[in-house]
Amino acid sequence: MQLPAVEVSHSPESKFREYLTSRPRPQRYTEQQRDMVRYIFAQHNHFDAEQLIDDMKRAGFRVSRATVYRTLAKLVDAGLLRRLELGPRMFYEHDYGYPPHEHMYCQKCGKVIEFQNAAIEMIIREVCQQHSFQVGDHTFIIRGVCSDCNKARMTKRRLDLV
C-alpha cells in the first residue's frame, strides 16, 4: 500500500539543518549528511544502516560507517526518521511528511507491509484520553507470515502429501 504524502512546511534537508543549528552546541551540516538526507528521502522504503551504507556506496557516494550511524540517530531525534525493531535488526523509515500508519512484518521473508486503520488510531486516542496521557508517538507492528510465504508453505505441504 502506498501511503499518501502529508504536506510539510520544510524540506527534510532544511528541517535537519534547522535541527543541527538549534542544538545546545550547534553542529555543522556536512556534505556526507546532506548526501544521506537527499538519498534517504528520494525514496520511501524501510532500510537498516548496513543496507543504507551498501546502497549509497553502490550509487557512488563516499560515506563512513560512523557518520551513517551518528546521522541516523540525529535524524530520528530530529523527527525525520522513525526507528523500527523488526527481527534481529533495527530498521528506519520516513516519519516526516508521512501519515501515521502501522506495520505488518513477515518473519519468514522480511517483507514489511504498511497500513492505515482509523479504528486503531481512534482506540489509541481514546485510551490516551482515558489516562490523561499525551501521546508523542507509537509503534504498532504485527509479526507473522505474509500471504506469499503462506502460499509457498501450503504448496510445499501439498507436494509432501504426493
N, C-alpha and C. Protein backbone atom coordinates (compact mmCIF):
# COMPACT_ATOMS: atom_id res chain seq x y z
N MET A 1 0.84 -1.18 0.00
CA MET A 1 0.00 0.00 0.00
C MET A 1 0.88 1.24 0.00
N GLN A 2 0.63 2.15 -0.89
CA GLN A 2 1.38 3.39 -0.96
C GLN A 2 0.68 4.43 -0.10
N LEU A 3 1.37 4.97 0.89
CA LEU A 3 0.79 5.96 1.77
C LEU A 3 0.84 7.34 1.12
N PRO A 4 -0.20 8.13 1.32
CA PRO A 4 -0.17 9.48 0.75
C PRO A 4 0.78 10.37 1.54
N ALA A 5 1.47 11.24 0.83
CA ALA A 5 2.38 12.17 1.50
C ALA A 5 1.56 13.20 2.26
N VAL A 6 2.13 13.70 3.32
CA VAL A 6 1.50 14.74 4.13
C VAL A 6 2.20 16.05 3.80
N GLU A 7 1.43 17.11 3.64
CA GLU A 7 2.00 18.43 3.35
C GLU A 7 2.88 18.88 4.51
N VAL A 8 4.11 19.29 4.21
CA VAL A 8 5.03 19.78 5.22
C VAL A 8 5.53 21.16 4.81
N SER A 9 5.94 21.94 5.81
CA SER A 9 6.35 23.32 5.53
C SER A 9 7.81 23.44 5.11
N HIS A 10 8.62 22.45 5.44
CA HIS A 10 10.05 22.48 5.11
C HIS A 10 10.45 21.18 4.42
N SER A 11 11.51 21.24 3.65
CA SER A 11 12.06 20.02 3.07
C SER A 11 12.77 19.26 4.18
N PRO A 12 12.94 17.94 4.04
CA PRO A 12 13.69 17.20 5.06
C PRO A 12 15.08 17.78 5.29
N GLU A 13 15.69 18.24 4.21
CA GLU A 13 17.04 18.81 4.32
C GLU A 13 17.05 20.08 5.15
N SER A 14 16.12 20.99 4.92
CA SER A 14 16.11 22.24 5.70
C SER A 14 15.68 21.97 7.14
N LYS A 15 14.79 21.00 7.34
CA LYS A 15 14.36 20.62 8.70
C LYS A 15 15.56 20.06 9.48
N PHE A 16 16.38 19.24 8.83
CA PHE A 16 17.55 18.67 9.50
C PHE A 16 18.60 19.75 9.79
N ARG A 17 18.80 20.65 8.84
CA ARG A 17 19.74 21.75 9.04
C ARG A 17 19.29 22.60 10.23
N GLU A 18 17.98 22.86 10.33
CA GLU A 18 17.42 23.62 11.45
C GLU A 18 17.66 22.89 12.77
N TYR A 19 17.46 21.56 12.77
CA TYR A 19 17.70 20.75 13.96
C TYR A 19 19.16 20.88 14.42
N LEU A 20 20.10 20.76 13.48
CA LEU A 20 21.52 20.82 13.83
C LEU A 20 21.91 22.17 14.43
N THR A 21 21.37 23.26 13.89
CA THR A 21 21.74 24.58 14.38
C THR A 21 21.04 24.92 15.70
N SER A 22 19.96 24.21 16.02
CA SER A 22 19.22 24.51 17.26
C SER A 22 19.73 23.73 18.47
N ARG A 23 20.73 22.90 18.28
CA ARG A 23 21.29 22.10 19.37
C ARG A 23 21.96 23.02 20.39
N PRO A 24 22.07 22.59 21.67
CA PRO A 24 22.77 23.40 22.66
C PRO A 24 24.18 23.79 22.19
N ARG A 25 24.83 22.84 21.52
CA ARG A 25 26.10 23.14 20.85
C ARG A 25 25.85 22.93 19.37
N PRO A 26 25.56 24.02 18.64
CA PRO A 26 25.22 23.88 17.21
C PRO A 26 26.25 23.06 16.44
N GLN A 27 25.73 22.25 15.54
CA GLN A 27 26.58 21.37 14.73
C GLN A 27 26.50 21.81 13.28
N ARG A 28 27.56 21.56 12.55
CA ARG A 28 27.53 21.94 11.14
C ARG A 28 26.92 20.82 10.31
N TYR A 29 26.38 21.21 9.17
CA TYR A 29 25.73 20.29 8.24
C TYR A 29 26.78 19.89 7.21
N THR A 30 27.22 18.63 7.27
CA THR A 30 28.32 18.19 6.42
C THR A 30 27.81 17.69 5.06
N GLU A 31 28.74 17.58 4.15
CA GLU A 31 28.42 17.08 2.81
C GLU A 31 27.90 15.64 2.87
N GLN A 32 28.51 14.80 3.72
CA GLN A 32 28.03 13.41 3.85
C GLN A 32 26.61 13.37 4.41
N GLN A 33 26.32 14.23 5.38
CA GLN A 33 24.97 14.28 5.93
C GLN A 33 23.98 14.73 4.86
N ARG A 34 24.35 15.74 4.10
CA ARG A 34 23.48 16.22 3.01
C ARG A 34 23.20 15.11 2.01
N ASP A 35 24.24 14.38 1.61
CA ASP A 35 24.06 13.27 0.67
C ASP A 35 23.13 12.21 1.25
N MET A 36 23.31 11.92 2.54
CA MET A 36 22.45 10.91 3.19
C MET A 36 20.99 11.34 3.21
N VAL A 37 20.73 12.57 3.64
CA VAL A 37 19.35 13.05 3.72
C VAL A 37 18.71 13.03 2.34
N ARG A 38 19.41 13.52 1.35
CA ARG A 38 18.85 13.53 -0.01
C ARG A 38 18.60 12.10 -0.52
N TYR A 39 19.55 11.21 -0.26
CA TYR A 39 19.41 9.82 -0.71
C TYR A 39 18.23 9.13 -0.01
N ILE A 40 18.15 9.27 1.30
CA ILE A 40 17.09 8.61 2.08
C ILE A 40 15.71 9.11 1.66
N PHE A 41 15.56 10.42 1.49
CA PHE A 41 14.24 10.97 1.20
C PHE A 41 13.89 10.98 -0.28
N ALA A 42 14.78 10.49 -1.12
CA ALA A 42 14.48 10.35 -2.55
C ALA A 42 13.62 9.11 -2.81
N GLN A 43 13.53 8.23 -1.83
CA GLN A 43 12.72 7.02 -1.97
C GLN A 43 12.04 6.73 -0.63
N HIS A 44 10.99 5.94 -0.68
CA HIS A 44 10.33 5.58 0.59
C HIS A 44 10.41 4.07 0.74
N ASN A 45 11.29 3.65 1.61
CA ASN A 45 11.40 2.23 1.91
C ASN A 45 11.94 2.06 3.32
N HIS A 46 11.87 0.85 3.80
CA HIS A 46 12.41 0.53 5.12
C HIS A 46 13.84 0.04 4.90
N PHE A 47 14.76 0.49 5.70
CA PHE A 47 16.17 0.13 5.49
C PHE A 47 16.87 0.05 6.83
N ASP A 48 17.97 -0.69 6.85
CA ASP A 48 18.82 -0.69 8.04
C ASP A 48 20.12 0.04 7.68
N ALA A 49 20.93 0.32 8.67
CA ALA A 49 22.13 1.12 8.46
C ALA A 49 23.10 0.47 7.47
N GLU A 50 23.31 -0.83 7.61
CA GLU A 50 24.25 -1.52 6.72
C GLU A 50 23.75 -1.51 5.27
N GLN A 51 22.47 -1.69 5.09
CA GLN A 51 21.88 -1.65 3.76
C GLN A 51 22.04 -0.25 3.15
N LEU A 52 21.83 0.79 3.97
CA LEU A 52 22.00 2.17 3.50
C LEU A 52 23.44 2.42 3.07
N ILE A 53 24.39 1.97 3.86
CA ILE A 53 25.81 2.14 3.53
C ILE A 53 26.11 1.48 2.19
N ASP A 54 25.69 0.22 2.04
CA ASP A 54 25.95 -0.51 0.78
C ASP A 54 25.29 0.17 -0.41
N ASP A 55 24.02 0.57 -0.25
CA ASP A 55 23.29 1.21 -1.36
C ASP A 55 23.92 2.53 -1.76
N MET A 56 24.32 3.33 -0.76
CA MET A 56 24.93 4.62 -1.09
C MET A 56 26.29 4.44 -1.76
N LYS A 57 27.06 3.46 -1.31
CA LYS A 57 28.37 3.21 -1.94
C LYS A 57 28.18 2.75 -3.38
N ARG A 58 27.19 1.87 -3.60
CA ARG A 58 26.90 1.42 -4.97
C ARG A 58 26.46 2.58 -5.86
N ALA A 59 25.80 3.58 -5.25
CA ALA A 59 25.34 4.75 -6.00
C ALA A 59 26.45 5.78 -6.19
N GLY A 60 27.66 5.48 -5.67
CA GLY A 60 28.80 6.36 -5.89
C GLY A 60 29.08 7.38 -4.80
N PHE A 61 28.40 7.27 -3.67
CA PHE A 61 28.63 8.20 -2.56
C PHE A 61 29.74 7.68 -1.66
N ARG A 62 30.51 8.61 -1.08
CA ARG A 62 31.51 8.25 -0.08
C ARG A 62 30.89 8.50 1.29
N VAL A 63 30.66 7.42 2.04
CA VAL A 63 30.07 7.56 3.37
C VAL A 63 30.85 6.68 4.35
N SER A 64 31.06 7.21 5.52
CA SER A 64 31.73 6.40 6.53
C SER A 64 30.66 5.76 7.41
N ARG A 65 30.96 4.57 7.87
CA ARG A 65 30.03 3.81 8.73
C ARG A 65 29.67 4.62 9.98
N ALA A 66 30.66 5.24 10.61
CA ALA A 66 30.42 6.02 11.83
C ALA A 66 29.49 7.19 11.55
N THR A 67 29.70 7.89 10.45
CA THR A 67 28.84 9.03 10.10
C THR A 67 27.42 8.57 9.85
N VAL A 68 27.25 7.45 9.18
CA VAL A 68 25.91 6.94 8.90
C VAL A 68 25.18 6.65 10.21
N TYR A 69 25.81 5.92 11.12
CA TYR A 69 25.16 5.58 12.38
C TYR A 69 24.85 6.83 13.21
N ARG A 70 25.79 7.78 13.28
CA ARG A 70 25.55 9.01 14.04
C ARG A 70 24.43 9.84 13.41
N THR A 71 24.45 9.94 12.08
CA THR A 71 23.45 10.75 11.38
C THR A 71 22.07 10.12 11.49
N LEU A 72 21.97 8.79 11.41
CA LEU A 72 20.67 8.14 11.58
C LEU A 72 20.08 8.46 12.96
N ALA A 73 20.90 8.41 13.99
CA ALA A 73 20.43 8.74 15.34
C ALA A 73 19.93 10.19 15.40
N LYS A 74 20.65 11.10 14.74
CA LYS A 74 20.23 12.50 14.72
C LYS A 74 18.94 12.69 13.93
N LEU A 75 18.79 11.96 12.82
CA LEU A 75 17.57 12.06 12.02
C LEU A 75 16.35 11.55 12.79
N VAL A 76 16.55 10.54 13.62
CA VAL A 76 15.47 10.04 14.49
C VAL A 76 15.15 11.11 15.53
N ASP A 77 16.18 11.64 16.16
CA ASP A 77 16.00 12.66 17.20
C ASP A 77 15.32 13.92 16.63
N ALA A 78 15.61 14.23 15.38
CA ALA A 78 15.03 15.41 14.71
C ALA A 78 13.59 15.18 14.27
N GLY A 79 13.11 13.93 14.36
CA GLY A 79 11.74 13.63 13.96
C GLY A 79 11.57 13.38 12.47
N LEU A 80 12.68 13.16 11.78
CA LEU A 80 12.62 12.91 10.35
C LEU A 80 12.50 11.41 10.02
N LEU A 81 13.11 10.58 10.84
CA LEU A 81 13.04 9.13 10.65
C LEU A 81 12.44 8.50 11.90
N ARG A 82 11.86 7.31 11.70
CA ARG A 82 11.36 6.50 12.80
C ARG A 82 12.18 5.22 12.83
N ARG A 83 12.52 4.79 14.03
CA ARG A 83 13.28 3.56 14.22
C ARG A 83 12.28 2.44 14.49
N LEU A 84 12.43 1.32 13.77
CA LEU A 84 11.55 0.16 13.94
C LEU A 84 12.39 -1.07 14.24
N GLU A 85 12.03 -1.79 15.26
CA GLU A 85 12.73 -3.02 15.60
C GLU A 85 11.99 -4.16 14.90
N LEU A 86 12.55 -4.62 13.79
CA LEU A 86 11.95 -5.70 13.01
C LEU A 86 12.94 -6.86 12.97
N GLY A 87 12.59 -7.94 13.59
CA GLY A 87 13.50 -9.07 13.62
C GLY A 87 14.74 -8.71 14.42
N PRO A 88 15.89 -9.23 14.02
CA PRO A 88 17.11 -9.02 14.80
C PRO A 88 17.78 -7.66 14.54
N ARG A 89 17.30 -6.90 13.54
CA ARG A 89 17.96 -5.65 13.18
C ARG A 89 17.04 -4.45 13.37
N MET A 90 17.65 -3.28 13.45
CA MET A 90 16.93 -2.02 13.58
C MET A 90 16.74 -1.44 12.19
N PHE A 91 15.50 -1.15 11.84
CA PHE A 91 15.19 -0.56 10.55
C PHE A 91 14.73 0.87 10.75
N TYR A 92 14.76 1.64 9.67
CA TYR A 92 14.36 3.04 9.69
C TYR A 92 13.37 3.28 8.56
N GLU A 93 12.52 4.27 8.77
CA GLU A 93 11.59 4.71 7.74
C GLU A 93 11.33 6.19 7.92
N HIS A 94 10.78 6.84 6.89
CA HIS A 94 10.43 8.25 6.97
C HIS A 94 9.34 8.45 8.00
N ASP A 95 9.50 9.46 8.81
CA ASP A 95 8.45 9.85 9.75
C ASP A 95 7.94 11.23 9.36
N TYR A 96 8.80 12.04 8.80
CA TYR A 96 8.45 13.41 8.41
C TYR A 96 7.81 13.39 7.02
N GLY A 97 6.61 13.94 6.94
CA GLY A 97 5.93 14.01 5.64
C GLY A 97 5.10 12.78 5.32
N TYR A 98 4.92 11.89 6.28
CA TYR A 98 4.12 10.69 6.06
C TYR A 98 3.08 10.56 7.16
N PRO A 99 1.91 10.06 6.83
CA PRO A 99 0.83 9.98 7.82
C PRO A 99 1.09 8.87 8.85
N PRO A 100 0.40 8.94 9.99
CA PRO A 100 0.52 7.84 10.96
C PRO A 100 0.07 6.53 10.30
N HIS A 101 0.81 5.48 10.56
CA HIS A 101 0.47 4.19 9.97
C HIS A 101 1.07 3.07 10.80
N GLU A 102 0.66 1.87 10.52
CA GLU A 102 1.10 0.69 11.26
C GLU A 102 1.83 -0.25 10.31
N HIS A 103 2.36 -1.34 10.86
CA HIS A 103 3.15 -2.28 10.06
C HIS A 103 2.79 -3.73 10.34
N MET A 104 2.92 -4.54 9.30
CA MET A 104 2.91 -5.99 9.42
C MET A 104 4.28 -6.45 8.94
N TYR A 105 4.90 -7.33 9.68
CA TYR A 105 6.25 -7.78 9.37
C TYR A 105 6.24 -9.30 9.20
N CYS A 106 6.65 -9.78 8.02
CA CYS A 106 6.71 -11.21 7.77
C CYS A 106 8.01 -11.75 8.35
N GLN A 107 7.88 -12.65 9.30
CA GLN A 107 9.05 -13.22 9.97
C GLN A 107 9.76 -14.25 9.11
N LYS A 108 9.15 -14.61 7.99
CA LYS A 108 9.77 -15.59 7.10
C LYS A 108 10.63 -14.92 6.03
N CYS A 109 10.06 -13.95 5.31
CA CYS A 109 10.79 -13.32 4.20
C CYS A 109 11.27 -11.90 4.50
N GLY A 110 10.78 -11.30 5.60
CA GLY A 110 11.21 -9.96 5.98
C GLY A 110 10.41 -8.84 5.35
N LYS A 111 9.36 -9.17 4.59
CA LYS A 111 8.54 -8.14 3.95
C LYS A 111 7.86 -7.28 5.01
N VAL A 112 7.78 -5.97 4.74
CA VAL A 112 7.09 -5.04 5.63
C VAL A 112 5.90 -4.47 4.86
N ILE A 113 4.72 -4.59 5.43
CA ILE A 113 3.50 -4.08 4.81
C ILE A 113 2.98 -2.95 5.69
N GLU A 114 2.81 -1.78 5.09
CA GLU A 114 2.29 -0.63 5.82
C GLU A 114 0.78 -0.57 5.62
N PHE A 115 0.07 -0.13 6.66
CA PHE A 115 -1.38 0.06 6.52
C PHE A 115 -1.85 1.14 7.46
N GLN A 116 -2.98 1.71 7.12
CA GLN A 116 -3.63 2.70 7.97
C GLN A 116 -4.98 2.13 8.38
N ASN A 117 -5.39 2.39 9.62
CA ASN A 117 -6.68 1.93 10.09
C ASN A 117 -7.22 2.96 11.08
N ALA A 118 -8.31 3.59 10.70
CA ALA A 118 -8.90 4.65 11.52
C ALA A 118 -9.33 4.12 12.89
N ALA A 119 -9.79 2.87 12.95
CA ALA A 119 -10.24 2.30 14.23
C ALA A 119 -9.07 2.19 15.21
N ILE A 120 -7.90 1.79 14.73
CA ILE A 120 -6.72 1.68 15.61
C ILE A 120 -6.34 3.07 16.12
N GLU A 121 -6.33 4.05 15.24
CA GLU A 121 -5.99 5.42 15.64
C GLU A 121 -6.99 5.93 16.69
N MET A 122 -8.27 5.62 16.49
CA MET A 122 -9.30 6.06 17.42
C MET A 122 -9.10 5.40 18.80
N ILE A 123 -8.80 4.12 18.81
CA ILE A 123 -8.57 3.40 20.08
C ILE A 123 -7.38 4.00 20.82
N ILE A 124 -6.32 4.30 20.10
CA ILE A 124 -5.14 4.90 20.73
C ILE A 124 -5.50 6.25 21.35
N ARG A 125 -6.24 7.08 20.61
CA ARG A 125 -6.66 8.38 21.15
C ARG A 125 -7.54 8.21 22.39
N GLU A 126 -8.49 7.26 22.33
CA GLU A 126 -9.40 7.03 23.46
C GLU A 126 -8.65 6.55 24.71
N VAL A 127 -7.76 5.59 24.53
CA VAL A 127 -7.00 5.06 25.68
C VAL A 127 -6.13 6.16 26.28
N CYS A 128 -5.49 6.93 25.45
CA CYS A 128 -4.66 8.04 25.95
C CYS A 128 -5.51 9.07 26.68
N GLN A 129 -6.67 9.36 26.14
CA GLN A 129 -7.57 10.32 26.77
C GLN A 129 -8.05 9.81 28.14
N GLN A 130 -8.39 8.53 28.21
CA GLN A 130 -8.85 7.93 29.48
C GLN A 130 -7.80 8.04 30.57
N HIS A 131 -6.56 7.98 30.19
CA HIS A 131 -5.46 8.01 31.16
C HIS A 131 -4.77 9.37 31.23
N SER A 132 -5.38 10.38 30.59
CA SER A 132 -4.77 11.72 30.53
C SER A 132 -3.31 11.63 30.09
N PHE A 133 -3.10 10.86 29.07
CA PHE A 133 -1.75 10.59 28.57
C PHE A 133 -1.55 11.36 27.27
N GLN A 134 -0.48 12.12 27.20
CA GLN A 134 -0.16 12.88 25.99
C GLN A 134 0.69 12.00 25.07
N VAL A 135 0.10 11.55 23.99
CA VAL A 135 0.83 10.66 23.07
C VAL A 135 1.85 11.46 22.27
N GLY A 136 3.04 10.92 22.15
CA GLY A 136 4.08 11.52 21.34
C GLY A 136 4.23 10.74 20.04
N ASP A 137 4.29 9.45 20.19
CA ASP A 137 4.48 8.56 19.04
C ASP A 137 4.09 7.16 19.50
N HIS A 138 3.86 6.30 18.57
CA HIS A 138 3.61 4.90 18.90
C HIS A 138 4.11 4.02 17.77
N THR A 139 4.35 2.78 18.09
CA THR A 139 4.75 1.79 17.09
C THR A 139 3.86 0.57 17.29
N PHE A 140 3.22 0.16 16.22
CA PHE A 140 2.32 -0.98 16.25
C PHE A 140 2.79 -1.91 15.13
N ILE A 141 3.36 -3.05 15.49
CA ILE A 141 3.89 -3.98 14.50
C ILE A 141 3.25 -5.35 14.73
N ILE A 142 2.62 -5.85 13.69
CA ILE A 142 2.06 -7.20 13.74
C ILE A 142 3.08 -8.12 13.10
N ARG A 143 3.55 -9.10 13.84
CA ARG A 143 4.53 -10.06 13.32
C ARG A 143 3.82 -11.35 12.97
N GLY A 144 4.20 -11.93 11.86
CA GLY A 144 3.57 -13.18 11.41
C GLY A 144 4.15 -13.62 10.08
N VAL A 145 3.30 -14.20 9.25
CA VAL A 145 3.73 -14.72 7.95
C VAL A 145 2.83 -14.12 6.87
N CYS A 146 3.44 -13.55 5.83
CA CYS A 146 2.67 -12.90 4.76
C CYS A 146 1.97 -13.92 3.87
N SER A 147 1.09 -13.43 3.01
CA SER A 147 0.31 -14.32 2.15
C SER A 147 1.20 -15.08 1.16
N ASP A 148 2.23 -14.44 0.63
CA ASP A 148 3.13 -15.13 -0.30
C ASP A 148 3.82 -16.32 0.37
N CYS A 149 4.32 -16.10 1.58
CA CYS A 149 5.00 -17.18 2.31
C CYS A 149 4.01 -18.26 2.73
N ASN A 150 2.78 -17.86 3.07
CA ASN A 150 1.74 -18.84 3.40
C ASN A 150 1.41 -19.71 2.20
N LYS A 151 1.29 -19.09 1.01
CA LYS A 151 1.01 -19.85 -0.21
C LYS A 151 2.13 -20.84 -0.50
N ALA A 152 3.36 -20.39 -0.36
CA ALA A 152 4.51 -21.26 -0.61
C ALA A 152 4.52 -22.43 0.36
N ARG A 153 4.17 -22.16 1.62
CA ARG A 153 4.13 -23.22 2.62
C ARG A 153 3.02 -24.22 2.33
N MET A 154 1.86 -23.73 1.89
CA MET A 154 0.73 -24.61 1.57
C MET A 154 1.06 -25.48 0.35
N THR A 155 1.71 -24.89 -0.65
CA THR A 155 2.10 -25.64 -1.85
C THR A 155 3.09 -26.73 -1.47
N LYS A 156 4.04 -26.42 -0.61
CA LYS A 156 5.03 -27.40 -0.18
C LYS A 156 4.36 -28.53 0.57
N ARG A 157 3.39 -28.21 1.43
CA ARG A 157 2.67 -29.25 2.17
C ARG A 157 1.94 -30.20 1.23
N ARG A 158 1.30 -29.62 0.20
CA ARG A 158 0.58 -30.45 -0.77
C ARG A 158 1.55 -31.39 -1.51
N LEU A 159 2.73 -30.85 -1.86
CA LEU A 159 3.71 -31.66 -2.56
C LEU A 159 4.23 -32.78 -1.66
N ASP A 160 4.33 -32.50 -0.36
CA ASP A 160 4.79 -33.53 0.59
C ASP A 160 3.78 -34.67 0.69
N LEU A 161 2.51 -34.41 0.41
CA LEU A 161 1.47 -35.44 0.51
C LEU A 161 1.46 -36.36 -0.70
N VAL A 162 2.08 -35.94 -1.79
CA VAL A 162 2.07 -36.75 -3.02
C VAL A 162 3.07 -37.88 -2.93
